Amino acid sequence: MYKYTDFDAAFIKERNAQFRSQVERRIDGSLTEDEFKPLRLMNGLYLQLHAYMLRVAIPYGTLNGRQMDKLADIADRWDKGYGHFTTRQNIQFNWPELRDIPDMLDALAEVQMHAIQTSGNTIRNVTADHFAGAAADEIADPRPVAELIRQWSTDHPEFQFLPRKFKVAVTGSPNDRAVTKAHDIGLRMLERDGVAGFEVIVGGGLGRTPMIGKVLRDFLPREDLLPYLEAIVSVYNLLGRRDNKYKARIKITVHENGIDDFRARVEERFALIRPQFGGIDQQLLAGIEADFAAPDFKTKPVADFEAAYTNDPVFRSWADTNLTDHRAPGYAIVSISLKAHAATPGDATSAQMRVMADLARDYGHDELRISHEQNVILPHVHKSDLPALHARLKEAQLATANIGLISDIIACPGMDYCALATARSIPIAQEIATRFDDLKLEHDIGPLKIKISGCINACGHHHVGHIGILGLDRAGVENYQITLGGDGSEDATIGERAGPGFSADEIIPAVERIVMAYLELRDAPEETFLETYRRIGLAPFKAALYPEVQADAA
């Protein structure tokens, strides 16, 4: 993984000292909250519903055991003993005191971490496939490219005050686990005639106007990446609307001007600035790639794994749901669920963080990943170590066997924390998970992605959920809309709204009716919810959701 240079360390030290001074001036009253706001946002600090919230960057979701230990220490010392992992592969601390933020940032710097550009109208934390460097289907590890983009975009003098926030995602696999088509820029690594490059997607995004990104370039050679990105963001910076923040994202810019006009502007700008790069970015990338060399994979028998899989049904259930094929023989990718039934999706206690850090050191070549699905990944674990690892996960209440199942729910913090939220997300996620656990149907249902947002900003990615739930305020009462058939993969689709919303008391039975209808309608147990939906469409599910409408019609 990437290690800070002397420049990186000096840069972070100077930024932290600058922000410490700004915090002191806010506390003594020299700065008003309005004056302080743009300064704190540049350092990942929000003012939420009940307290300040610090959002810490975990670039492309990669960290090591020492860094995870430091996050646990910060949670204990300056927060309430836990952290919340987000859909941007970051971690949020929800209860810090303002006076402690500079010390928290200095503590992060000790392990080469920071909170820069996790907020504000700038290029945010670059995200990537959480199986990067390990997946069996991978063409190339996208993390060196993500790191190159991080370095290019950090404190970029032209892009610190864009029309709106800007998000970039990179994947190195044909199976898109990074939701690239729902980003401002999505990059899919390709190889054409022996030449490495990218499919460049632009103008994706969710929120109040959800859109699937459009292909701007079907193939961009790797050496042209940074000047092409610079051309895209430069055009957006000049063309994007600043009169209405709801129409300021690049998706609206592309929509209003058309993809062909936008492409022509980008190509013109690209031709102008490309000579300025002169290959220095490729020299930098070559150096970065060395930091992401694969670990020294072990060669050992897997008899212990096979025995545990055969003889221990609990281990077998966990292995069937939480393990993914690895590119190295004898290895597996382990997904650690942060979605125990009735738990808050994405939350981990400091004790659990330390357990995961220890497991990474003991069994996982000291690597962890945070997924956009709010789980933690050990990307490189030899199968012979899996029984021992599973036993330790059970002790820490981290062995829930539900990755990809109905209780593996993405949920934003909602009205329990967020000042923008109009409804609760966390309790709804908890109730759905416990309901289907009680019914003992999770494994019979099979793969099913539920995503919940507590407001129209869609931080829970509900638009691309197989079942999406959006919480809104209707005359002071929480109301939950349902969308069906969304998908965040390489076949990305925005879900269809099913009909009128449901109250908080009605939403769990409504989800149950959808699932029961699916179990009746599927062709075979192997047919997933999404496959069934795409085969038969909305109408049968709508009939199950609104039986009273069908009765009235009859």
Protein backbone atom coordinates (compact mmCIF):
# COMPACT_ATOMS: atom_id res chain seq x y z
CA MET A 1 0.00 0.00 0.00
CA TYR A 2 1.03 3.60 -0.51
CA LYS A 3 3.45 5.10 2.02
CA TYR A 4 3.79 8.83 2.61
CA THR A 5 6.82 10.62 1.21
CA ASP A 6 8.54 13.41 3.12
CA PHE A 7 6.44 15.84 1.07
CA ASP A 8 3.20 14.11 2.13
CA ALA A 9 4.17 14.21 5.81
CA ALA A 10 5.16 17.87 5.68
CA PHE A 11 2.00 18.78 3.77
CA ILE A 12 -0.28 17.10 6.33
CA LYS A 13 1.63 18.60 9.26
CA GLU A 14 1.27 22.12 7.83
CA ARG A 15 -2.44 21.64 7.05
CA ASN A 16 -3.14 20.34 10.55
CA ALA A 17 -1.30 23.25 12.18
CA GLN A 18 -3.24 25.70 10.03
CA PHE A 19 -6.55 24.12 11.02
CA ARG A 20 -5.59 24.05 14.71
CA SER A 21 -5.25 27.82 14.54
CA GLN A 22 -8.63 28.11 12.82
CA VAL A 23 -10.30 25.97 15.49
CA GLU A 24 -8.79 28.09 18.25
CA ARG A 25 -10.17 31.22 16.59
CA ARG A 26 -13.61 29.64 16.30
CA ILE A 27 -13.59 28.68 19.99
CA ASP A 28 -12.50 32.14 21.17
CA GLY A 29 -15.12 33.80 18.97
CA SER A 30 -12.74 35.41 16.47
CA LEU A 31 -14.50 33.40 13.74
CA THR A 32 -18.27 33.05 13.45
CA GLU A 33 -19.75 29.69 12.47
CA ASP A 34 -20.45 31.02 8.98
CA GLU A 35 -16.82 32.12 8.63
CA PHE A 36 -15.58 28.83 10.05
CA LYS A 37 -17.78 26.61 7.86
CA PRO A 38 -15.71 26.65 4.62
CA LEU A 39 -12.54 26.13 6.65
CA ARG A 40 -13.86 23.11 8.54
CA LEU A 41 -15.33 21.56 5.41
CA MET A 42 -11.89 21.64 3.81
CA ASN A 43 -10.78 19.42 6.70
CA GLY A 44 -13.63 16.92 6.76
CA LEU A 45 -15.54 18.46 9.67
CA TYR A 46 -19.33 18.70 9.54
CA LEU A 47 -21.85 20.16 11.99
CA GLN A 48 -24.49 17.45 12.23
CA LEU A 49 -27.81 17.15 14.05
CA HIS A 50 -26.38 16.71 17.54
CA ALA A 51 -22.64 17.35 17.31
CA TYR A 52 -19.69 17.87 15.01
CA MET A 53 -18.78 14.89 12.83
CA LEU A 54 -15.28 14.17 11.50
CA ARG A 55 -15.09 12.23 8.25
CA VAL A 56 -11.71 10.53 7.82
CA ALA A 57 -10.45 9.55 4.38
CA ILE A 58 -9.58 5.94 3.67
CA PRO A 59 -8.35 6.37 0.08
CA TYR A 60 -9.68 3.61 -2.20
CA GLY A 61 -10.69 1.78 0.99
CA THR A 62 -7.20 0.47 1.84
CA LEU A 63 -5.61 0.50 5.28
CA ASN A 64 -3.33 -1.63 7.44
CA GLY A 65 -3.56 -2.96 10.97
CA ARG A 66 -1.73 -0.04 12.55
CA GLN A 67 -4.11 2.41 10.91
CA MET A 68 -7.15 0.43 12.06
CA ASP A 69 -5.72 0.36 15.58
CA LYS A 70 -5.35 4.15 15.46
CA LEU A 71 -8.99 4.53 14.41
CA ALA A 72 -9.93 2.44 17.44
CA ASP A 73 -7.77 4.61 19.70
CA ILE A 74 -9.43 7.76 18.34
CA ALA A 75 -12.88 6.26 18.91
CA ASP A 76 -12.03 5.55 22.55
CA ARG A 77 -10.18 8.75 23.35
CA TRP A 78 -12.27 11.39 21.58
CA ASP A 79 -15.56 9.76 20.60
CA LYS A 80 -17.98 7.18 22.07
CA GLY A 81 -16.02 4.01 21.38
CA TYR A 82 -17.13 3.31 17.83
CA GLY A 83 -16.86 4.52 14.25
CA HIS A 84 -19.18 4.42 11.26
CA PHE A 85 -17.88 3.14 7.92
CA THR A 86 -19.54 4.86 4.98
CA THR A 87 -20.52 4.21 1.36
CA ARG A 88 -17.54 6.35 0.32
CA GLN A 89 -15.08 3.91 1.96
CA ASN A 90 -14.45 6.47 4.72
CA ILE A 91 -15.02 6.38 8.48
CA GLN A 92 -17.02 8.94 10.44
CA PHE A 93 -16.72 9.85 14.11
CA ASN A 94 -20.07 11.25 15.18
CA TRP A 95 -19.43 12.75 18.62
CA PRO A 96 -16.10 14.64 18.83
CA GLU A 97 -15.70 17.94 20.66
CA LEU A 98 -14.50 20.78 18.48
CA ARG A 99 -11.51 21.45 20.75
CA ASP A 100 -10.32 17.85 20.18
CA ILE A 101 -10.40 17.84 16.38
CA PRO A 102 -6.81 19.12 15.90
CA ASP A 103 -5.50 16.39 18.20
CA MET A 104 -7.51 13.80 16.27
CA LEU A 105 -6.00 15.01 13.00
CA ASP A 106 -2.48 14.87 14.47
CA ALA A 107 -3.17 11.32 15.67
CA LEU A 108 -4.28 10.35 12.16
CA ALA A 109 -1.10 11.86 10.71
CA GLU A 110 0.96 9.50 12.91
CA VAL A 111 -0.31 6.62 10.75
CA GLN A 112 -0.42 8.47 7.42
CA MET A 113 -4.11 9.33 7.42
CA HIS A 114 -6.05 12.57 7.11
CA ALA A 115 -9.50 14.10 6.53
CA ILE A 116 -8.69 16.35 3.57
CA GLN A 117 -11.30 16.59 0.79
CA THR A 118 -13.80 14.32 2.47
CA SER A 119 -16.23 17.23 2.21
CA GLY A 120 -16.77 20.46 0.29
CA ASN A 121 -17.16 21.23 -3.42
CA THR A 122 -13.99 19.53 -4.47
CA ILE A 123 -12.80 16.12 -5.70
CA ARG A 124 -13.68 13.77 -2.86
CA ASN A 125 -12.04 10.56 -1.67
CA VAL A 126 -11.32 8.40 -4.74
CA THR A 127 -13.02 5.03 -4.35
CA ALA A 128 -12.19 1.65 -5.89
CA ASP A 129 -13.20 -1.98 -6.00
CA HIS A 130 -12.87 -3.30 -2.45
CA PHE A 131 -11.46 -6.59 -3.82
CA ALA A 132 -8.70 -4.73 -5.70
CA GLY A 133 -5.45 -6.65 -6.01
CA ALA A 134 -7.12 -9.90 -4.99
CA ALA A 135 -10.14 -10.62 -7.19
CA ALA A 136 -9.96 -13.59 -9.54
CA ASP A 137 -11.72 -11.62 -12.29
CA GLU A 138 -9.39 -8.62 -12.12
CA ILE A 139 -7.61 -7.26 -15.20
CA ALA A 140 -5.34 -5.01 -13.11
CA ASP A 141 -5.21 -3.54 -9.62
CA PRO A 142 -6.94 -0.13 -9.81
CA ARG A 143 -5.44 1.24 -6.59
CA PRO A 144 -2.22 2.71 -8.10
CA VAL A 145 -4.40 4.66 -10.52
CA ALA A 146 -6.67 5.75 -7.65
CA GLU A 147 -3.60 6.91 -5.71
CA LEU A 148 -2.33 8.83 -8.73
CA ILE A 149 -5.71 10.59 -8.98
CA ARG A 150 -5.65 11.30 -5.24
CA GLN A 151 -2.27 12.99 -5.50
CA TRP A 152 -3.30 14.96 -8.59
CA SER A 153 -6.55 16.16 -7.06
CA THR A 154 -5.39 16.96 -3.51
CA ASP A 155 -5.25 20.73 -3.11
CA HIS A 156 -5.41 21.14 -6.90
CA PRO A 157 -5.48 24.93 -7.23
CA GLU A 158 -8.17 24.97 -9.92
CA PHE A 159 -10.54 22.44 -8.36
CA GLN A 160 -10.99 23.46 -4.70
CA PHE A 161 -14.25 25.37 -5.33
CA LEU A 162 -16.09 23.43 -8.01
CA PRO A 163 -19.79 24.06 -8.70
CA ARG A 164 -20.52 21.01 -6.51
CA LYS A 165 -18.84 18.01 -4.89
CA PHE A 166 -17.15 15.62 -7.33
CA LYS A 167 -16.70 11.86 -6.99
CA VAL A 168 -14.42 9.48 -8.91
CA ALA A 169 -14.44 5.67 -8.82
CA VAL A 170 -12.08 3.15 -10.45
CA THR A 171 -12.45 -0.56 -11.09
CA GLY A 172 -10.04 -3.04 -12.59
CA SER A 173 -12.61 -5.81 -13.10
CA PRO A 174 -15.32 -6.41 -15.69
CA ASN A 175 -17.67 -7.15 -12.78
CA ASP A 176 -18.15 -3.64 -11.44
CA ARG A 177 -18.03 -3.62 -7.63
CA ALA A 178 -17.22 0.12 -7.47
CA VAL A 179 -20.55 1.46 -8.85
CA THR A 180 -18.62 3.43 -11.46
CA LYS A 181 -21.74 4.34 -13.46
CA ALA A 182 -23.20 6.28 -10.53
CA HIS A 183 -20.17 8.57 -10.17
CA ASP A 184 -19.27 11.94 -11.64
CA ILE A 185 -16.40 10.13 -13.34
CA GLY A 186 -16.19 6.34 -13.50
CA LEU A 187 -13.10 4.59 -14.83
CA ARG A 188 -13.16 0.96 -15.94
CA MET A 189 -9.72 -0.50 -16.69
CA LEU A 190 -9.47 -2.25 -20.06
CA GLU A 191 -6.89 -3.79 -22.33
CA ARG A 192 -7.25 -3.35 -26.09
CA ASP A 193 -4.80 -4.93 -28.53
CA GLY A 194 -2.28 -5.24 -25.72
CA VAL A 195 -2.61 -1.58 -24.70
CA ALA A 196 -3.78 -0.71 -21.17
CA GLY A 197 -6.43 1.95 -20.86
CA PHE A 198 -9.84 2.96 -19.55
CA GLU A 199 -13.46 3.27 -20.46
CA VAL A 200 -14.32 6.76 -19.23
CA ILE A 201 -17.85 7.29 -17.91
CA VAL A 202 -19.15 10.72 -16.99
CA GLY A 203 -22.27 12.24 -15.49
CA GLY A 204 -23.50 9.51 -13.19
CA GLY A 205 -24.98 10.28 -9.81
CA LEU A 206 -27.91 9.65 -7.51
CA GLY A 207 -29.58 12.24 -5.25
CA ARG A 208 -32.76 14.05 -6.27
CA THR A 209 -32.00 13.55 -10.00
CA PRO A 210 -30.57 10.04 -10.38
CA MET A 211 -28.71 9.34 -13.62
CA ILE A 212 -26.58 6.55 -15.00
CA GLY A 213 -23.30 7.82 -16.39
CA LYS A 214 -22.62 8.00 -20.12
CA VAL A 215 -19.52 6.76 -21.94
CA LEU A 216 -17.36 9.76 -22.80
CA ARG A 217 -14.49 7.70 -24.24
CA ASP A 218 -14.77 3.97 -24.91
CA PHE A 219 -10.99 3.65 -24.72
CA LEU A 220 -8.46 6.08 -23.28
CA PRO A 221 -4.79 4.99 -23.24
CA ARG A 222 -3.36 4.93 -19.76
CA GLU A 223 -0.76 7.61 -20.45
CA ASP A 224 -3.53 10.09 -21.24
CA LEU A 225 -5.45 9.63 -18.00
CA LEU A 226 -4.48 12.70 -15.97
CA PRO A 227 -4.67 15.25 -18.79
CA TYR A 228 -8.04 13.79 -19.80
CA LEU A 229 -9.36 13.98 -16.25
CA GLU A 230 -8.06 17.52 -15.99
CA ALA A 231 -9.87 18.37 -19.22
CA ILE A 232 -13.16 16.93 -17.91
CA VAL A 233 -13.05 18.74 -14.59
CA SER A 234 -11.86 22.00 -16.19
CA VAL A 235 -14.79 21.99 -18.62
CA TYR A 236 -17.22 21.22 -15.80
CA ASN A 237 -15.70 23.93 -13.59
CA LEU A 238 -16.41 26.54 -16.28
CA LEU A 239 -19.67 25.15 -17.66
CA GLY A 240 -21.33 23.82 -14.49
CA ARG A 241 -24.17 25.83 -12.99
CA ARG A 242 -23.57 27.85 -9.83
CA ASP A 243 -27.00 29.51 -9.64
CA ASN A 244 -28.75 26.43 -8.20
CA LYS A 245 -26.94 23.83 -6.11
CA TYR A 246 -29.56 21.23 -7.03
CA LYS A 247 -28.54 21.57 -10.67
CA ALA A 248 -24.82 22.01 -10.15
CA ARG A 249 -23.55 18.42 -10.44
CA ILE A 250 -21.80 17.35 -13.62
CA LYS A 251 -24.68 14.99 -14.45
CA ILE A 252 -26.89 18.07 -14.98
CA THR A 253 -24.17 19.80 -17.00
CA VAL A 254 -23.93 16.78 -19.31
CA HIS A 255 -27.71 16.43 -19.50
CA GLU A 256 -28.36 20.09 -20.30
CA ASN A 257 -25.59 20.40 -22.90
CA GLY A 258 -25.73 16.86 -24.29
CA ILE A 259 -22.99 14.27 -24.21
CA ASP A 260 -21.77 15.13 -27.72
CA ASP A 261 -21.31 18.83 -26.95
CA PHE A 262 -19.66 18.01 -23.63
CA ARG A 263 -17.34 15.50 -25.33
CA ALA A 264 -16.31 18.05 -27.95
CA ARG A 265 -15.43 20.59 -25.25
CA VAL A 266 -13.42 18.01 -23.31
CA GLU A 267 -11.52 16.84 -26.39
CA GLU A 268 -10.67 20.43 -27.30
CA ARG A 269 -9.38 21.12 -23.81
CA PHE A 270 -7.52 17.79 -23.71
CA ALA A 271 -5.68 18.57 -26.94
CA LEU A 272 -4.58 21.88 -25.45
CA ILE A 273 -3.26 20.63 -22.10
CA ARG A 274 -1.98 17.17 -22.97
CA PRO A 275 1.53 18.41 -23.95
CA GLN A 276 1.91 20.04 -20.53
CA PHE A 277 2.07 16.66 -18.77
CA GLY A 278 5.03 15.34 -20.73
CA GLY A 279 5.04 11.89 -19.15
CA ILE A 280 5.87 12.95 -15.59
CA ASP A 281 2.57 11.50 -14.43
CA GLN A 282 3.50 8.11 -15.87
CA GLN A 283 6.86 8.20 -14.07
CA LEU A 284 4.99 8.95 -10.87
CA LEU A 285 2.52 6.12 -11.55
CA ALA A 286 5.37 3.64 -12.06
CA GLY A 287 6.74 4.56 -8.65
CA ILE A 288 3.33 4.23 -7.04
CA GLU A 289 2.78 0.78 -8.55
CA ALA A 290 5.76 -0.53 -6.63
CA ASP A 291 3.92 0.28 -3.38
CA PHE A 292 1.08 -2.03 -4.41
CA ALA A 293 3.10 -5.13 -5.16
CA ALA A 294 1.29 -8.34 -4.29
CA PRO A 295 2.23 -9.93 -0.95
CA ASP A 296 4.34 -13.06 -0.79
CA PHE A 297 1.54 -15.61 -1.04
CA LYS A 298 1.99 -18.83 0.91
CA THR A 299 1.76 -22.35 -0.46
CA LYS A 300 0.20 -24.67 2.11
CA PRO A 301 -2.28 -27.56 2.21
CA VAL A 302 -5.95 -26.63 2.70
CA ALA A 303 -6.98 -29.79 4.54
CA ASP A 304 -7.99 -27.85 7.69
CA PHE A 305 -10.36 -25.68 5.65
CA GLU A 306 -11.88 -28.68 3.89
CA ALA A 307 -12.40 -30.53 7.18
CA ALA A 308 -14.07 -27.52 8.81
CA TYR A 309 -16.23 -26.95 5.74
CA THR A 310 -17.39 -30.58 5.79
CA ASN A 311 -17.94 -30.99 9.52
CA ASP A 312 -19.00 -27.56 10.84
CA PRO A 313 -22.31 -26.28 9.39
CA VAL A 314 -21.86 -22.84 10.98
CA PHE A 315 -18.46 -22.43 9.35
CA ARG A 316 -19.82 -23.77 6.06
CA SER A 317 -22.67 -21.23 6.05
CA TRP A 318 -20.21 -18.41 6.71
CA ALA A 319 -17.80 -19.67 4.04
CA ASP A 320 -20.59 -19.93 1.46
CA THR A 321 -21.69 -16.31 1.94
CA ASN A 322 -18.65 -14.37 3.15
CA LEU A 323 -15.83 -15.78 1.02
CA THR A 324 -14.98 -14.77 -2.56
CA ASP A 325 -12.61 -16.42 -5.03
CA HIS A 326 -9.04 -15.11 -4.91
CA ARG A 327 -6.63 -14.94 -7.84
CA ALA A 328 -3.94 -16.83 -5.89
CA PRO A 329 -4.35 -20.61 -5.45
CA GLY A 330 -5.26 -21.60 -1.91
CA TYR A 331 -6.43 -18.11 -0.92
CA ALA A 332 -9.82 -16.50 -0.33
CA ILE A 333 -11.15 -12.97 0.05
CA VAL A 334 -12.93 -12.60 3.40
CA SER A 335 -15.79 -10.15 3.81
CA ILE A 336 -16.42 -9.29 7.47
CA SER A 337 -20.04 -8.30 7.94
CA LEU A 338 -20.73 -5.16 9.95
CA LYS A 339 -24.44 -6.03 9.66
CA ALA A 340 -25.15 -8.36 12.55
CA HIS A 341 -28.91 -8.63 12.90
CA ALA A 342 -30.25 -5.61 14.86
CA ALA A 343 -26.88 -3.82 14.59
CA THR A 344 -26.38 -0.39 13.01
CA PRO A 345 -25.12 -1.00 9.45
CA GLY A 346 -21.50 0.09 9.09
CA ASP A 347 -20.77 0.62 12.79
CA ALA A 348 -17.78 -1.06 14.44
CA THR A 349 -16.74 -0.75 18.07
CA SER A 350 -13.17 0.07 18.98
CA ALA A 351 -12.78 -3.50 20.28
CA GLN A 352 -13.97 -4.89 16.95
CA MET A 353 -11.59 -2.61 15.06
CA ARG A 354 -8.68 -3.94 17.10
CA VAL A 355 -9.75 -7.53 16.44
CA MET A 356 -9.86 -6.85 12.70
CA ALA A 357 -6.43 -5.20 12.88
CA ASP A 358 -5.02 -8.26 14.66
CA LEU A 359 -6.60 -10.62 12.14
CA ALA A 360 -5.09 -8.65 9.28
CA ARG A 361 -1.64 -8.94 10.84
CA ASP A 362 -2.02 -12.60 11.81
CA TYR A 363 -3.71 -13.96 8.70
CA GLY A 364 -4.12 -11.26 6.05
CA HIS A 365 -0.68 -9.87 5.09
CA ASP A 366 -1.57 -6.76 7.13
CA GLU A 367 -4.17 -5.49 4.67
CA LEU A 368 -7.78 -4.43 5.20
CA ARG A 369 -10.29 -2.82 2.88
CA ILE A 370 -13.46 -0.88 3.53
CA SER A 371 -16.23 -1.60 1.04
CA HIS A 372 -18.79 0.90 -0.20
CA GLU A 373 -21.29 -1.62 1.16
CA GLN A 374 -20.13 -0.71 4.69
CA ASN A 375 -18.29 -3.94 5.44
CA VAL A 376 -14.60 -4.70 6.08
CA ILE A 377 -12.55 -6.95 3.80
CA LEU A 378 -9.48 -9.08 4.48
CA PRO A 379 -8.35 -9.43 0.86
CA HIS A 380 -5.63 -12.08 1.23
CA VAL A 381 -6.31 -14.99 3.61
CA HIS A 382 -4.98 -18.51 3.06
CA LYS A 383 -7.75 -21.09 3.31
CA SER A 384 -5.81 -23.06 5.92
CA ASP A 385 -6.19 -20.08 8.28
CA LEU A 386 -9.92 -19.62 7.79
CA PRO A 387 -11.19 -21.91 10.59
CA ALA A 388 -9.04 -20.09 13.18
CA LEU A 389 -9.98 -16.71 11.75
CA HIS A 390 -13.69 -17.58 11.84
CA ALA A 391 -13.44 -18.65 15.48
CA ARG A 392 -11.96 -15.28 16.42
CA LEU A 393 -14.60 -13.43 14.41
CA LYS A 394 -17.30 -15.28 16.34
CA GLU A 395 -15.78 -14.17 19.65
CA ALA A 396 -15.94 -10.56 18.45
CA GLN A 397 -19.51 -10.87 17.09
CA LEU A 398 -18.19 -10.32 13.58
CA ALA A 399 -19.07 -13.67 12.01
CA THR A 400 -22.57 -12.95 10.70
CA ALA A 401 -23.00 -15.05 7.55
CA ASN A 402 -25.02 -12.60 5.47
CA ILE A 403 -22.84 -10.91 2.85
CA GLY A 404 -25.06 -10.11 -0.14
CA LEU A 405 -28.21 -11.30 1.62
CA ILE A 406 -31.28 -9.36 2.69
CA SER A 407 -29.85 -8.25 6.05
CA ASP A 408 -26.62 -6.95 4.48
CA ILE A 409 -28.32 -3.57 4.14
CA ILE A 410 -26.69 -0.30 3.10
CA ALA A 411 -28.14 2.52 5.20
CA CYS A 412 -27.17 6.15 5.67
CA PRO A 413 -27.16 7.55 9.25
CA GLY A 414 -30.55 9.13 8.63
CA MET A 415 -32.35 11.29 11.15
CA ASP A 416 -30.51 9.71 14.08
CA TYR A 417 -27.46 11.81 13.15
CA CYS A 418 -27.77 13.80 9.94
CA ALA A 419 -29.01 17.39 9.84
CA LEU A 420 -30.25 16.90 6.26
CA ALA A 421 -32.24 13.74 6.87
CA THR A 422 -36.04 13.73 6.72
CA ALA A 423 -36.58 10.20 8.06
CA ARG A 424 -34.84 7.46 10.01
CA SER A 425 -32.80 4.85 8.17
CA ILE A 426 -31.05 2.86 10.89
CA PRO A 427 -34.17 1.56 12.72
CA ILE A 428 -35.75 0.50 9.43
CA ALA A 429 -32.63 -1.45 8.46
CA GLN A 430 -32.52 -3.08 11.89
CA GLU A 431 -36.19 -4.10 11.75
CA ILE A 432 -35.87 -5.60 8.26
CA ALA A 433 -32.80 -7.59 9.30
CA THR A 434 -34.37 -8.95 12.48
CA ARG A 435 -37.68 -9.74 10.75
CA PHE A 436 -36.12 -11.96 8.10
CA ASP A 437 -33.78 -13.50 10.65
CA ASP A 438 -36.85 -14.46 12.67
CA LEU A 439 -38.46 -15.93 9.54
CA LYS A 440 -35.24 -17.92 8.81
CA LEU A 441 -35.59 -17.06 5.12
CA GLU A 442 -32.36 -15.19 4.34
CA HIS A 443 -30.51 -18.06 2.70
CA ASP A 444 -33.63 -19.26 0.86
CA ILE A 445 -34.10 -15.76 -0.57
CA GLY A 446 -30.50 -15.62 -1.78
CA PRO A 447 -28.73 -12.53 -3.15
CA LEU A 448 -30.81 -9.40 -2.54
CA LYS A 449 -29.50 -5.88 -2.02
CA ILE A 450 -31.61 -3.51 0.06
CA LYS A 451 -30.41 0.09 0.25
CA ILE A 452 -31.98 2.78 2.45
CA SER A 453 -31.64 6.58 2.36
CA GLY A 454 -33.06 8.96 4.94
CA CYS A 455 -33.46 11.82 2.47
CA ILE A 456 -33.42 12.71 -1.21
CA ASN A 457 -29.61 13.11 -1.19
CA ALA A 458 -29.43 9.30 -1.47
CA CYS A 459 -26.32 8.62 0.62
CA GLY A 460 -27.70 5.10 1.07
CA HIS A 461 -27.70 4.54 -2.73
CA HIS A 462 -31.37 3.50 -2.67
CA HIS A 463 -31.78 4.20 -6.40
CA VAL A 464 -29.50 1.25 -7.25
CA GLY A 465 -30.88 -1.16 -4.65
CA HIS A 466 -32.70 -4.27 -5.83
CA ILE A 467 -35.15 -2.95 -3.24
CA GLY A 468 -34.58 0.73 -2.56
CA ILE A 469 -36.18 2.61 0.32
CA LEU A 470 -36.28 6.41 0.51
CA GLY A 471 -37.43 8.08 3.72
CA LEU A 472 -39.22 11.40 3.34
CA ASP A 473 -41.19 13.83 5.49
CA ARG A 474 -44.89 14.06 4.65
CA ALA A 475 -46.53 16.78 6.76
CA GLY A 476 -44.34 15.91 9.74
CA VAL A 477 -44.75 12.13 9.36
CA GLU A 478 -42.08 9.75 8.07
CA ASN A 479 -43.05 8.22 4.74
CA TYR A 480 -41.03 5.57 2.90
CA GLN A 481 -41.06 5.19 -0.88
CA ILE A 482 -40.02 1.90 -2.47
CA THR A 483 -38.13 1.45 -5.73
CA LEU A 484 -37.54 -1.93 -7.34
CA GLY A 485 -35.06 -3.33 -9.84
CA GLY A 486 -32.14 -0.97 -9.25
CA ASP A 487 -28.63 -2.23 -9.84
CA GLY A 488 -25.19 -0.71 -9.17
CA SER A 489 -23.14 -3.21 -11.17
CA GLU A 490 -21.78 -3.06 -14.72
CA ASP A 491 -25.45 -3.32 -15.78
CA ALA A 492 -26.36 -0.29 -13.67
CA THR A 493 -30.04 0.64 -13.60
CA ILE A 494 -32.10 3.15 -11.64
CA GLY A 495 -34.92 1.41 -9.77
CA GLU A 496 -38.58 2.01 -10.64
CA ARG A 497 -40.82 3.67 -8.08
CA ALA A 498 -43.46 1.16 -7.03
CA GLY A 499 -46.17 3.61 -5.99
CA PRO A 500 -47.32 5.54 -2.91
CA GLY A 501 -45.12 5.46 0.17
CA PHE A 502 -45.62 3.68 3.47
CA SER A 503 -45.53 4.83 7.08
CA ALA A 504 -42.79 3.60 9.43
CA ASP A 505 -45.21 0.99 10.78
CA GLU A 506 -46.11 -0.21 7.30
CA ILE A 507 -42.72 -0.40 5.61
CA ILE A 508 -41.52 -3.73 7.08
CA PRO A 509 -44.73 -5.60 6.11
CA ALA A 510 -44.47 -3.99 2.66
CA VAL A 511 -40.93 -5.34 2.17
CA GLU A 512 -42.11 -8.72 3.38
CA ARG A 513 -44.90 -8.75 0.76
CA ILE A 514 -42.34 -8.00 -1.97
CA VAL A 515 -40.09 -10.83 -0.85
CA MET A 516 -42.90 -13.34 -0.48
CA ALA A 517 -44.11 -12.45 -3.97
CA TYR A 518 -40.59 -13.06 -5.29
CA LEU A 519 -40.40 -16.48 -3.66
CA GLU A 520 -43.67 -17.43 -5.39
CA LEU A 521 -42.77 -15.89 -8.76
CA ARG A 522 -39.19 -17.05 -9.30
CA ASP A 523 -38.63 -19.80 -11.86
CA ALA A 524 -36.26 -21.76 -9.66
CA PRO A 525 -34.39 -21.31 -6.35
CA GLU A 526 -31.34 -20.25 -8.38
CA GLU A 527 -33.14 -17.31 -9.99
CA THR A 528 -32.22 -14.18 -8.03
CA PHE A 529 -34.60 -11.39 -7.09
CA LEU A 530 -33.09 -9.10 -9.74
CA GLU A 531 -33.33 -11.78 -12.42
CA THR A 532 -36.97 -12.39 -11.54
CA TYR A 533 -37.74 -8.68 -11.59
CA ARG A 534 -36.12 -8.22 -14.98
CA ARG A 535 -38.06 -11.18 -16.36
CA ILE A 536 -41.55 -10.24 -15.16
CA GLY A 537 -41.36 -6.50 -14.48
CA LEU A 538 -42.95 -4.26 -11.87
CA ALA A 539 -46.63 -5.18 -12.18
CA PRO A 540 -46.71 -8.45 -10.15
CA PHE A 541 -44.73 -6.86 -7.32
CA LYS A 542 -46.94 -3.79 -7.36
CA ALA A 543 -49.97 -6.03 -7.04
CA ALA A 544 -48.42 -7.68 -3.99
CA LEU A 545 -47.46 -4.32 -2.48
CA TYR A 546 -50.87 -2.72 -2.83
CA PRO A 547 -53.46 -5.51 -2.40
CA GLU A 548 -56.14 -2.99 -1.46
CA VAL A 549 -55.81 -1.34 -4.89
CA GLN A 550 -56.29 -4.68 -6.58
CA ALA A 551 -59.35 -5.38 -4.43
CA ASP A 552 -60.89 -2.00 -5.31
CA ALA A 553 -60.23 -2.61 -9.00
CA ALA A 554 -61.96 -5.98 -8.78
